[in-house]
Structure formats: C-alpha cells, structure tokens
Protein backbone atom coordinates (compact mmCIF):
# COMPACT_ATOMS: atom_id res chain seq x y z
CA MET A 1 35.40 26.35 22.98
CA GLY A 2 32.73 24.44 21.23
CA ARG A 3 29.13 24.36 21.60
CA PHE A 4 27.28 21.12 22.47
CA SER A 5 23.71 20.21 22.11
CA TYR A 6 22.33 17.62 24.63
CA THR A 7 19.32 15.65 25.46
CA VAL A 8 19.36 14.53 29.04
CA GLN A 9 17.12 12.88 31.40
CA ASP A 10 17.15 13.58 35.34
CA SER A 11 16.44 11.37 38.34
CA LYS A 12 12.61 11.66 38.20
CA GLY A 13 12.85 10.45 34.37
CA GLU A 14 12.42 13.91 33.02
CA THR A 15 13.87 14.50 29.47
CA THR A 16 15.43 17.71 28.89
CA THR A 17 17.11 19.32 25.77
CA GLY A 18 19.53 22.08 25.68
CA ALA A 19 23.31 23.26 24.78
CA LEU A 20 26.18 24.30 26.68
CA ASP A 21 29.83 25.43 26.05
CA ALA A 22 32.64 23.13 26.60
CA ALA A 23 36.40 22.92 25.69
CA ASP A 24 35.50 19.29 24.10
CA GLU A 25 33.24 16.41 24.41
CA ASN A 26 34.68 14.99 27.59
CA GLU A 27 34.47 18.27 29.44
CA ALA A 28 30.65 18.50 28.32
CA ILE A 29 29.89 14.84 29.38
CA SER A 30 31.55 15.73 32.80
CA SER A 31 29.53 18.85 33.27
CA LEU A 32 26.08 17.13 32.59
CA GLN A 33 27.06 14.19 34.78
CA GLY A 34 28.21 16.54 37.60
CA LYS A 35 24.50 18.06 37.40
CA GLY A 36 23.25 14.16 37.88
CA TYR A 37 21.92 14.03 34.35
CA PHE A 38 21.75 10.76 32.44
CA ILE A 39 23.06 11.74 28.84
CA LEU A 40 20.83 10.26 26.24
CA SER A 41 22.71 12.08 23.18
CA LEU A 42 25.31 14.88 22.95
CA SER A 43 26.28 16.46 19.49
CA SER A 44 28.97 19.23 18.49
CA GLU A 45 27.47 22.30 16.66
CA LYS A 46 29.91 23.23 13.97
CA ALA A 47 29.58 25.83 11.42
CA GLY A 48 26.03 26.80 12.47
CA ALA A 49 24.90 23.07 11.75
CA GLY A 50 24.38 20.35 14.12
CA ALA A 51 26.82 17.64 13.38
CA ALA A 52 26.36 14.79 15.66
CA VAL A 53 29.61 13.51 17.42
CA GLY A 54 29.23 9.51 16.65
CA VAL A 55 30.88 6.98 18.76
CA LYS A 56 33.79 5.52 16.94
CA LYS A 57 32.87 1.90 17.00
CA ALA A 58 36.25 -0.21 17.50
CA ALA A 59 36.45 -3.36 15.32
CA GLY A 60 37.02 -6.46 17.69
CA ALA A 61 36.35 -9.79 18.55
CA ALA A 62 33.34 -11.17 20.56
CA VAL A 63 34.17 -11.95 24.22
CA ALA A 64 32.74 -14.83 25.93
CA GLU A 65 30.17 -14.38 29.03
CA ARG A 66 32.69 -16.30 31.52
CA ASP A 67 35.48 -13.67 30.61
CA LEU A 68 32.97 -10.57 31.10
CA VAL A 69 32.02 -12.05 34.49
CA PHE A 70 35.46 -12.28 35.50
CA PHE A 71 36.47 -8.94 34.40
CA ALA A 72 33.47 -7.22 36.28
CA GLU A 73 34.01 -8.93 39.53
CA GLN A 74 37.70 -8.48 39.42
CA LEU A 75 37.46 -4.60 38.31
CA ALA A 76 34.97 -4.25 41.23
CA THR A 77 37.33 -5.88 43.79
CA LEU A 78 40.51 -3.90 42.57
CA LEU A 79 38.57 -0.70 42.84
CA ASN A 80 37.10 -1.58 46.21
CA GLY A 81 40.58 -2.02 47.19
CA GLY A 82 41.68 1.32 46.24
CA VAL A 83 43.43 0.63 43.01
CA PRO A 84 42.82 3.56 40.71
CA LEU A 85 40.54 2.98 37.58
CA VAL A 86 43.15 3.59 35.13
CA ARG A 87 45.87 0.98 36.77
CA ALA A 88 42.82 -1.52 37.36
CA LEU A 89 41.82 -1.50 33.53
CA SER A 90 45.51 -1.97 32.68
CA LEU A 91 46.19 -4.71 34.77
CA LEU A 92 43.24 -6.58 33.76
CA GLY A 93 43.77 -6.07 30.24
CA GLU A 94 47.11 -7.23 30.37
CA HIS A 95 46.17 -10.58 32.03
CA ALA A 96 43.10 -11.05 30.00
CA SER A 97 43.00 -14.57 28.55
CA SER A 98 40.47 -13.43 26.01
CA LYS A 99 42.16 -11.71 22.77
CA GLY A 100 38.92 -9.65 22.16
CA LEU A 101 38.83 -8.38 25.87
CA HIS A 102 42.58 -7.85 26.06
CA MET A 103 42.46 -5.73 22.73
CA ALA A 104 39.18 -4.01 23.85
CA LEU A 105 40.69 -3.01 27.44
CA ALA A 106 43.88 -1.93 25.69
CA GLN A 107 42.18 0.91 23.95
CA VAL A 108 39.46 1.49 26.89
CA THR A 109 42.50 2.19 29.34
CA LYS A 110 43.81 4.50 27.01
CA ASP A 111 40.64 6.30 26.50
CA VAL A 112 39.97 6.62 30.23
CA ALA A 113 43.44 7.69 30.72
CA SER A 114 43.01 10.62 28.27
CA GLY A 115 39.89 11.67 30.48
CA THR A 116 36.88 10.02 28.71
CA ALA A 117 34.52 8.67 30.87
CA LEU A 118 34.44 4.50 31.49
CA TYR A 119 31.16 4.26 29.96
CA LYS A 120 32.01 6.39 26.75
CA ALA A 121 35.14 4.12 26.47
CA LEU A 122 33.06 0.80 26.71
CA GLU A 123 30.48 2.14 24.10
CA ARG A 124 33.29 2.01 21.64
CA HIS A 125 33.29 -1.64 21.78
CA PRO A 126 29.82 -3.01 21.12
CA ARG A 127 30.92 -6.54 20.27
CA ALA A 128 32.50 -6.76 24.13
CA PHE A 129 30.38 -4.29 25.98
CA ASP A 130 26.56 -4.19 24.99
CA ASN A 131 24.12 -1.60 25.86
CA LEU A 132 23.31 -3.09 29.05
CA TRP A 133 26.93 -2.72 30.18
CA VAL A 134 27.07 0.62 28.93
CA SER A 135 23.88 1.97 30.71
CA LEU A 136 24.96 0.29 33.91
CA VAL A 137 28.45 1.55 34.07
CA GLN A 138 27.28 4.95 33.24
CA ALA A 139 24.77 4.75 36.16
CA GLY A 140 27.59 3.55 38.40
CA GLU A 141 29.67 6.46 37.46
CA MET A 142 26.96 9.18 37.74
CA GLY A 143 26.00 7.64 41.42
CA GLY A 144 29.35 7.02 42.41
CA GLN A 145 28.74 3.45 42.71
CA LEU A 146 30.88 1.98 40.25
CA PRO A 147 32.26 -0.87 42.36
CA LYS A 148 28.83 -1.86 43.42
CA VAL A 149 27.52 -1.68 39.80
CA LEU A 150 30.35 -3.95 38.55
CA LYS A 151 29.43 -6.55 41.10
CA GLN A 152 25.74 -6.33 39.83
CA ILE A 153 26.64 -6.72 36.54
CA GLY A 154 29.21 -9.69 37.42
CA THR A 155 26.06 -11.40 39.16
CA TYR A 156 23.70 -10.83 36.40
CA LEU A 157 26.09 -12.14 33.92
CA SER A 158 26.72 -15.29 35.96
CA ALA A 159 23.13 -15.82 36.79
CA GLN A 160 22.31 -15.53 32.95
CA SER A 161 25.29 -17.88 32.11
CA GLU A 162 24.21 -20.38 34.70
CA LEU A 163 20.59 -20.63 33.28
CA LYS A 164 21.80 -20.63 29.71
CA GLY A 165 24.10 -24.09 30.79
CA LYS A 166 21.29 -25.65 32.48
CA ILE A 167 19.01 -25.33 29.32
CA VAL A 168 21.62 -26.49 27.06
CA THR A 169 22.50 -29.42 29.39
CA ALA A 170 18.82 -30.28 29.36
CA LEU A 171 18.64 -30.34 25.65
CA ALA A 172 22.01 -31.76 24.77
CA TYR A 173 21.45 -35.32 25.46
CA PRO A 174 18.13 -35.66 24.06
CA SER A 175 19.48 -34.13 20.90
CA VAL A 176 22.18 -36.54 20.46
CA LEU A 177 19.80 -39.27 21.31
CA ALA A 178 17.23 -38.26 18.81
CA THR A 179 19.89 -37.73 16.03
CA MET A 180 21.49 -41.03 16.72
CA SER A 181 18.06 -42.84 16.41
CA LEU A 182 17.00 -41.14 13.45
CA GLY A 183 20.33 -42.29 11.67
CA VAL A 184 19.56 -45.84 12.72
CA LEU A 185 15.88 -45.49 11.13
CA ALA A 186 17.53 -44.02 7.96
CA PHE A 187 19.87 -46.67 7.67
CA PHE A 188 16.96 -49.32 7.94
CA ILE A 189 14.79 -47.41 5.36
CA ILE A 190 17.59 -46.73 2.75
CA ARG A 191 19.80 -49.82 3.28
CA ILE A 192 17.91 -52.65 4.77
CA VAL A 193 14.30 -52.34 3.18
CA PRO A 194 15.47 -51.96 -0.42
CA THR A 195 17.46 -55.50 -0.04
CA PHE A 196 14.29 -57.10 1.22
CA ALA A 197 12.46 -55.66 -1.54
CA GLU A 198 14.54 -57.14 -4.34
CA ILE A 199 14.02 -60.50 -2.57
CA PHE A 200 10.22 -60.01 -2.40
CA GLN A 201 9.88 -58.82 -6.15
CA SER A 202 11.94 -62.06 -7.14
CA PHE A 203 9.20 -64.16 -5.60
CA GLN A 204 6.26 -62.02 -7.05
CA VAL A 205 4.33 -62.21 -3.90
CA LYS A 206 1.44 -59.82 -3.14
CA LEU A 207 2.68 -57.55 -0.34
CA PRO A 208 0.84 -56.72 2.98
CA PRO A 209 -0.45 -53.04 2.82
CA LEU A 210 2.34 -52.02 5.60
CA THR A 211 5.08 -53.66 3.86
CA ALA A 212 4.31 -51.77 0.45
CA PHE A 213 4.16 -48.46 2.19
CA ILE A 214 7.61 -48.90 3.91
CA ILE A 215 8.96 -49.79 0.40
CA PHE A 216 7.21 -46.78 -1.00
CA VAL A 217 8.88 -44.53 1.28
CA SER A 218 12.24 -46.37 0.94
CA ASN A 219 12.25 -45.83 -2.91
CA LEU A 220 11.10 -42.34 -2.49
CA LEU A 221 14.23 -41.59 -0.43
CA VAL A 222 16.64 -43.81 -2.40
CA HIS A 223 16.13 -42.75 -5.89
CA ASN A 224 14.86 -39.02 -5.09
CA MET A 225 17.69 -38.08 -2.52
CA ALA A 226 19.27 -35.61 -4.41
CA THR A 227 15.78 -33.84 -5.25
CA LEU A 228 14.61 -34.22 -1.70
CA ILE A 229 17.91 -32.59 -0.57
CA PHE A 230 17.48 -29.75 -3.10
CA VAL A 231 14.07 -29.25 -1.88
CA VAL A 232 14.92 -29.02 1.89
CA VAL A 233 18.17 -26.77 1.13
CA GLY A 234 15.83 -24.55 -0.94
CA LEU A 235 12.99 -24.29 1.52
CA TRP A 236 15.49 -23.41 4.53
CA PHE A 237 16.55 -20.49 2.57
CA VAL A 238 13.43 -19.32 1.52
CA TRP A 239 12.47 -19.71 5.30
CA SER A 240 15.55 -17.67 6.35
CA ALA A 241 15.02 -14.92 4.22
CA TYR A 242 11.50 -14.76 5.32
CA VAL A 243 12.32 -14.65 9.11
CA ALA A 244 14.97 -12.02 8.23
CA THR A 245 11.80 -9.77 7.73
CA ASP A 246 9.93 -8.03 10.75
CA ILE A 247 6.70 -9.83 9.50
CA GLY A 248 9.09 -13.03 9.39
CA LYS A 249 10.47 -12.52 12.91
CA THR A 250 6.92 -11.90 14.32
CA THR A 251 5.71 -15.10 12.62
CA LYS A 252 8.69 -17.32 14.00
CA TRP A 253 8.09 -16.17 17.44
CA ASN A 254 4.35 -16.52 17.41
CA MET A 255 4.93 -20.07 15.96
CA ILE A 256 7.53 -20.92 18.89
CA PHE A 257 4.85 -19.50 21.54
CA ASP A 258 2.38 -21.84 19.96
CA ILE A 259 4.16 -25.21 20.50
CA PRO A 260 2.29 -27.13 23.01
CA PHE A 261 4.67 -27.72 26.32
CA PHE A 262 7.61 -26.07 24.78
CA GLY A 263 6.18 -22.43 23.70
CA ASP A 264 5.36 -21.66 27.37
CA PHE A 265 8.89 -22.66 28.44
CA VAL A 266 10.48 -20.36 25.92
CA LYS A 267 8.11 -17.50 26.94
CA ASN A 268 9.22 -17.93 30.72
CA ILE A 269 12.94 -17.60 29.83
CA LEU A 270 12.15 -14.45 28.05
CA ILE A 271 10.10 -13.09 30.73
CA GLU A 272 12.97 -14.20 33.40
CA ARG A 273 15.56 -12.27 31.44
CA LEU A 274 13.21 -9.14 31.08
CA LEU A 275 12.63 -9.15 35.02
CA THR A 276 16.21 -10.04 35.88
CA THR A 277 17.71 -7.27 33.55
CA LEU A 278 14.88 -4.74 34.64
CA SER A 279 15.80 -5.27 38.35
CA THR A 280 19.61 -5.10 37.62
CA LEU A 281 19.12 -1.74 35.81
CA ILE A 282 16.83 -0.27 38.45
CA GLU A 283 18.92 -1.30 41.55
CA SER A 284 21.98 0.25 39.65
CA GLY A 285 20.38 3.49 39.60
CA VAL A 286 19.15 3.44 36.03
CA SER A 287 15.62 5.22 35.88
CA ILE A 288 12.83 3.17 34.70
CA LEU A 289 12.35 5.09 31.17
CA ASN A 290 16.20 4.34 30.58
CA ALA A 291 15.90 0.84 31.77
CA ILE A 292 13.23 0.05 29.38
CA ALA A 293 15.06 1.64 26.63
CA VAL A 294 18.06 -0.52 27.29
CA LEU A 295 15.41 -3.58 27.43
CA GLU A 296 14.45 -2.54 23.77
CA GLY A 297 18.07 -3.33 22.77
CA VAL A 298 18.36 -6.38 24.76
CA PHE A 299 15.34 -7.95 22.98
CA GLY A 300 16.08 -6.60 19.75
CA ALA A 301 16.00 -9.91 18.07
CA ASN A 302 12.31 -10.71 19.27
CA PRO A 303 9.85 -8.19 17.83
CA ILE A 304 7.04 -9.29 20.12
CA PHE A 305 8.89 -8.29 23.20
CA GLN A 306 10.48 -5.37 21.44
CA LYS A 307 6.84 -3.80 20.62
CA LEU A 308 5.73 -4.53 24.11
CA LEU A 309 8.69 -2.50 25.71
CA LYS A 310 8.40 0.30 23.07
CA SER A 311 4.51 0.61 24.27
CA VAL A 312 5.42 0.24 27.70
CA LYS A 313 7.95 3.02 27.34
CA ASN A 314 5.81 5.62 25.50
CA ASP A 315 2.97 5.03 28.33
CA VAL A 316 5.60 5.37 31.20
CA ALA A 317 6.84 8.58 29.49
CA SER A 318 3.31 9.56 29.51
CA GLY A 319 2.99 9.39 33.09
CA LYS A 320 1.55 5.90 33.46
CA SER A 321 2.86 3.66 36.07
CA ILE A 322 5.31 0.61 34.87
CA SER A 323 2.68 -1.91 36.01
CA ALA A 324 -0.14 -0.32 34.04
CA ALA A 325 1.91 -0.03 31.25
CA PHE A 326 2.67 -3.76 31.21
CA ARG A 327 -0.82 -4.78 32.14
CA LYS A 328 -1.91 -3.06 29.21
CA THR A 329 0.30 -4.72 26.67
CA GLY A 330 -1.60 -8.11 27.89
CA VAL A 331 1.88 -9.97 26.98
CA LEU A 332 2.80 -10.78 30.42
CA PRO A 333 1.01 -13.01 32.77
CA PRO A 334 -1.55 -11.27 35.38
CA LEU A 335 0.94 -12.58 38.39
CA VAL A 336 3.91 -10.36 37.07
CA THR A 337 1.80 -7.14 36.47
CA GLU A 338 -0.13 -7.54 39.73
CA MET A 339 3.23 -8.00 41.82
CA MET A 340 4.69 -4.99 39.97
CA PHE A 341 1.71 -3.04 41.02
CA MET A 342 2.16 -4.15 44.73
CA GLY A 343 6.03 -3.36 44.34
CA GLU A 344 5.18 0.23 43.14
CA GLU A 345 2.59 0.75 45.96
CA SER A 346 5.07 -0.58 48.62
CA GLY A 347 8.27 1.31 47.20
CA LYS A 348 10.16 -1.99 46.81
CA LEU A 349 9.86 -2.46 43.06
CA PRO A 350 13.38 -3.73 42.53
CA ASP A 351 12.75 -6.17 45.30
CA MET A 352 9.56 -7.46 43.84
CA LEU A 353 11.21 -7.80 40.43
CA VAL A 354 14.02 -10.00 42.07
CA THR A 355 11.35 -11.95 43.64
CA LEU A 356 9.51 -12.56 40.40
CA SER A 357 12.83 -13.45 38.46
CA ALA A 358 13.60 -16.19 40.98
CA PHE A 359 10.04 -17.64 40.77
CA TYR A 360 10.57 -18.03 36.98
CA ARG A 361 14.18 -19.26 37.36
CA GLU A 362 12.40 -22.01 39.45
CA GLN A 363 9.92 -22.63 36.64
CA ILE A 364 12.50 -22.92 34.25
CA ASP A 365 14.66 -25.38 36.26
CA GLN A 366 11.48 -27.53 37.13
CA PHE A 367 10.85 -27.77 33.19
CA THR A 368 14.52 -28.71 32.51
CA ARG A 369 14.35 -31.58 35.12
CA ARG A 370 10.81 -32.92 33.72
CA PHE A 371 11.84 -32.43 30.38
CA THR A 372 15.14 -34.57 30.87
CA ALA A 373 13.36 -37.34 32.89
CA ILE A 374 10.57 -37.54 30.50
CA ILE A 375 11.98 -37.01 26.88
CA ASP A 376 14.64 -40.10 27.23
CA PRO A 377 12.00 -42.74 27.50
CA ILE A 378 9.74 -40.93 24.99
CA LEU A 379 12.40 -40.90 22.17
CA VAL A 380 13.76 -44.60 22.90
CA VAL A 381 10.14 -45.86 22.86
CA GLY A 382 8.99 -43.72 19.71
CA ILE A 383 12.26 -44.37 17.70
CA GLY A 384 12.23 -48.11 18.98
CA GLY A 385 8.42 -48.44 17.66
CA LEU A 386 9.24 -47.05 14.33
CA VAL A 387 12.18 -49.47 14.00
CA GLY A 388 9.85 -52.05 15.21
CA VAL A 389 7.09 -51.31 12.58
CA ILE A 390 9.85 -51.18 9.87
CA VAL A 391 11.13 -54.77 11.00
CA LEU A 392 7.53 -56.25 11.08
CA ALA A 393 6.85 -54.80 7.54
CA VAL A 394 9.88 -56.54 6.44
CA PHE A 395 9.14 -59.96 8.15
CA LEU A 396 5.20 -60.03 7.23
CA PRO A 397 6.15 -61.33 3.52
CA ILE A 398 8.78 -63.84 5.02
CA PHE A 399 6.05 -65.43 7.22
CA LYS A 400 3.68 -65.39 4.22
CA LEU A 401 6.26 -67.04 2.18
CA SER A 402 6.97 -69.55 4.81
CA THR A 403 3.49 -70.45 5.03
CA ILE A 404 3.11 -71.03 1.42
CA GLY A 405 6.34 -73.12 1.22
CA GLY A 406 4.96 -75.29 4.12
CA HIS A 407 1.90 -75.99 2.14
C-alpha cells in the first residue's frame, strides 16, 4: 500500500486537499472519482517526502484536427453500440490513417487495458490530445457520460475546423493576388525602370520630379538589394526574439487588436473560441473553475486573454459570479457579459453561451464574405494604380523628348 496526497474539486467547485491509502495510482484515481471528485493533482508520498507522480509524456507526431474529429465521433458510436472501451480503442488505433494517432492509440489501449483511466492515458500524449481533451474526457468518465462527451468533442472540433477553413479560404486568394501583383510591381521597378533610366541619361534630359523619384527608388533597390535583404532579415530576427518574451507577446497582440477593420475581426475569432470552448466544457460537466483553468491553456499563446482568464478564475474562486468576473476585466463586450448574467439568473448559462458563440460565428462569416468581396477590387485598383504611376513616370520624359524633337 502507498500513500497519496491529492488536490480535488467537488461538483460545487470547492477545492479540497488531503491524503489516502491505495495500492497504486490507478486505485487512488478510481477511489477519488468514485466519490465524484475532479482530480487537480495527485502525488505519491515516499520515504516521508512528497514525490510527485509525474505523468510520463510520450513522444509522438502531431495529429490533424480532422483525424481527431473522426476518432471522437467513431469512439462515441462504438461505445453507444455496446463495444467495450479497450476493444473500441484497439479497433480505431488499428485503422487510424494518421501515424501519430495510430501510435498514440496503441499506447492508450495498453494503458486502459492495464486499468488506467482513459483521461490519464490520453494525458500522456499531449501532442495528440491537449488539455481540453483530457478535461472533457475526465468529466465524461466521472459523470458516466463518456459517449455523449465524445460527441460534444467531435462537434466542437468540427465547428472550429470549419471556422478555420472559412477564414483561410477568405484570406488565401487575396494573399496570392497581392503576392503576384507585388511581383509584377517589383519587376517593373527592378528591370524596366533602369533600362529607361539609362536612355534618359544618354539624352541628358531634365527629368520630371515623379520620374526622378521612381528612378531613385529603383536605384536604391537595385544597388542595395543585398543590404536591404540583410536589414529585413535582421529586423525579422529581432522582432521574433522580442515577441518570444511576455512583454513582446502582449505588444504584438495589442498591435493586432489596434489594426483598423481587421483588429475587431481577430478579437471576434478569439471571443467565439472562448465562448464555444467554455460552453462545451460546462455542458460536459466540467465545473466553471476547472473550465476556466482549461481555457488558460487553450489561450496560452495570447497573454491578454490569459491574463483575463487568470483574473476571472481568481474572482470566481473567491465567490464572484462568472459574468461579474468577466465584466470586471473590461476585455469582453458588454453584450457578452450581460447575456452571461442573464444565463446565470435563468440557470441556462450553457445555452446562453451557445447563443453568443453562434452570434460571433455569424459575425465572422459576414466579415469573411465582405472581405472577399471588397479586397479583390481594392488590390486590383491599388496595384494597378501603382503600376500606372510607374508607367506614367517612364513616359513623361519620352513625351518631353518627342516635343523637343518636333521643334
């Protein structure tokens, strides 16, 4: 028998710390889950000192979102059909098209077969299954609703993948068009303008200001190309090093949010993800406090939202309502916090969060449709206008020469 120290949370969100005797870690987990606790940490006491039982993280390849969606939906279907969990995992692992998922499920199947809880087995493969997966599966196992939770995971991942696809599609064509247009512009400045500059120099004609400026820009690019590339690459490395710091990350996201027209769009995407993830977690039986802790991991790359969630978690832990905690941060729009408040008052917070996330998805859809419709003509007219200015700058001296020749 060994002694294990634990930190758990009950269904009301209250955190408790204690110790229990068990044959091994799996028995300790089963005992705590049997009492309806959500396990926050578990450590083994050895030789009078507390030695944490670390979860062995297995190396493995990352898994595509579509493969995870398929796995969640198929596992839910098999479990609903009465197939034992170990057999279902084995079947899906054998037929997984993704190498990363195949390798992860082979080990997960062995762990579950030896008595490890599914969420613990998944936790050992962070490149395939993130904190969101682990928390949702843990809630499903504790509540005896694993198939339902797996369906919710599949729906959530599918919705996020669809939204990401729409955004990528909306940005792909303008990006290609802009790249090709800039390539044409660069060709004019680097190849065409120098040829005409030599001709004008041989005639020793006084150039119009516009032509002189275009030739100056052309010479700057042609004769200092290596230096300019070196400077650009150097600035990129400096910027990358800066945004790797906490202050740099905050600066980067503040700059993104301050971009006219586009900043609000990015913020809406993040708010939609926050609301959708939060509603999925709560609907799956995860307590609000644990749900916010999971969200901190989901938004780990965004210090502004991470700071927001940390503040909300502390306020909720001290007894504040989730709507009041979010309102205090001032990051989310009043519409969101007011509807959260109404959801809490009516006891329908998950439903209200679903409504809000649907509203923000529609806002994102509208933006992508309008962006696609507007950006193409703007790029065509903008780049076409620049090329036109260069052509005009080249032909102005020619007109002048023809006038002199006519006289």
